Protein backbone atom coordinates (compact mmCIF):
# COMPACT_ATOMS: atom_id res chain seq x y z
CA UNK A 1 1.71 -20.66 -5.49
CA UNK A 2 -1.71 -18.97 -5.53
CA UNK A 3 -1.87 -15.22 -5.61
CA UNK A 4 -3.18 -13.55 -2.48
CA UNK A 5 -6.61 -12.00 -2.95
CA UNK A 6 -6.51 -8.22 -3.01
CA UNK A 7 -8.62 -6.29 -0.55
CA UNK A 8 -11.46 -4.20 -1.95
CA UNK A 9 -10.09 -1.02 -0.37
CA UNK A 10 -6.63 -1.62 -1.85
CA UNK A 11 -8.06 -2.10 -5.32
CA UNK A 12 -10.17 1.04 -4.95
CA UNK A 13 -7.11 3.05 -3.87
CA UNK A 14 -5.18 1.76 -6.90
CA UNK A 15 -8.03 2.83 -9.17
CA UNK A 16 -8.09 6.29 -7.60
CA UNK A 17 -4.33 6.59 -8.15
CA UNK A 18 -4.74 5.64 -11.81
CA UNK A 19 -7.44 8.27 -12.28
CA UNK A 20 -5.22 10.93 -10.69
CA UNK A 21 -2.30 9.96 -12.93
CA UNK A 22 -4.44 10.13 -16.03
CA UNK A 23 -6.05 13.42 -15.00
CA UNK A 24 -2.74 15.22 -14.58
CA UNK A 25 -2.19 15.04 -18.35
CA UNK A 26 1.49 14.12 -18.16
CA UNK A 27 1.24 10.56 -19.50
CA UNK A 28 2.00 9.82 -23.13
CA UNK A 29 -0.53 7.90 -25.22
CA UNK A 30 1.06 4.49 -24.66
CA UNK A 31 1.21 4.92 -20.88
CA UNK A 32 -2.33 6.30 -20.84
CA UNK A 33 -3.58 3.21 -22.65
CA UNK A 34 -1.80 0.93 -20.17
CA UNK A 35 -3.28 2.81 -17.22
CA UNK A 36 -6.72 2.73 -18.85
CA UNK A 37 -6.49 -1.03 -19.34
CA UNK A 38 -5.34 -1.51 -15.74
CA UNK A 39 -8.21 0.67 -14.53
CA UNK A 40 -10.78 -1.31 -16.52
CA UNK A 41 -9.48 -4.57 -15.03
CA UNK A 42 -9.69 -3.10 -11.53
CA UNK A 43 -13.24 -1.86 -12.18
CA UNK A 44 -14.23 -5.36 -13.23
CA UNK A 45 -12.74 -6.89 -10.07
CA UNK A 46 -14.40 -4.25 -7.88
CA UNK A 47 -17.76 -4.80 -9.56
CA UNK A 48 -17.51 -8.57 -9.04
CA UNK A 49 -16.59 -8.07 -5.39
CA UNK A 50 -19.58 -5.79 -4.85
CA UNK A 51 -21.93 -8.20 -6.61
CA UNK A 52 -20.68 -11.08 -4.46
CA UNK A 53 -21.18 -9.05 -1.30
CA UNK A 54 -24.67 -8.04 -2.41
CA UNK A 55 -25.55 -11.67 -3.07
CA UNK A 56 -24.34 -12.74 0.36
CA UNK A 57 -26.31 -9.95 2.01
CA UNK A 58 -29.47 -10.99 0.15
CA UNK A 59 -29.03 -14.62 1.24
CA UNK A 60 -28.46 -13.61 4.85
CA UNK A 61 -31.42 -11.21 4.82
CA UNK A 62 -33.77 -13.74 3.25
CA UNK A 63 -32.83 -16.57 5.57
CA UNK A 64 -32.38 -14.54 8.75
CA UNK A 65 -34.36 -12.09 10.76
CA UNK A 66 -35.51 -9.11 8.79
CA UNK A 67 -36.64 -6.93 11.66
CA UNK A 68 -33.67 -5.80 13.73
CA UNK A 69 -35.60 -3.42 16.03
């Protein structure tokens, strides 16, 4: 069964939680490395999502009306 696509906002919230956990200084080195790796993966997914959205916006802007006044 295919995995359900995560929402951008959910991924961003997860990343914020990871940053908070790492900032509190209570994680050991091993757990910090796991959180760091998870955060890097989330950043990559978020970046791809933003790039896809930007591409769609460019296509829509170029093929549609540019003056919305």
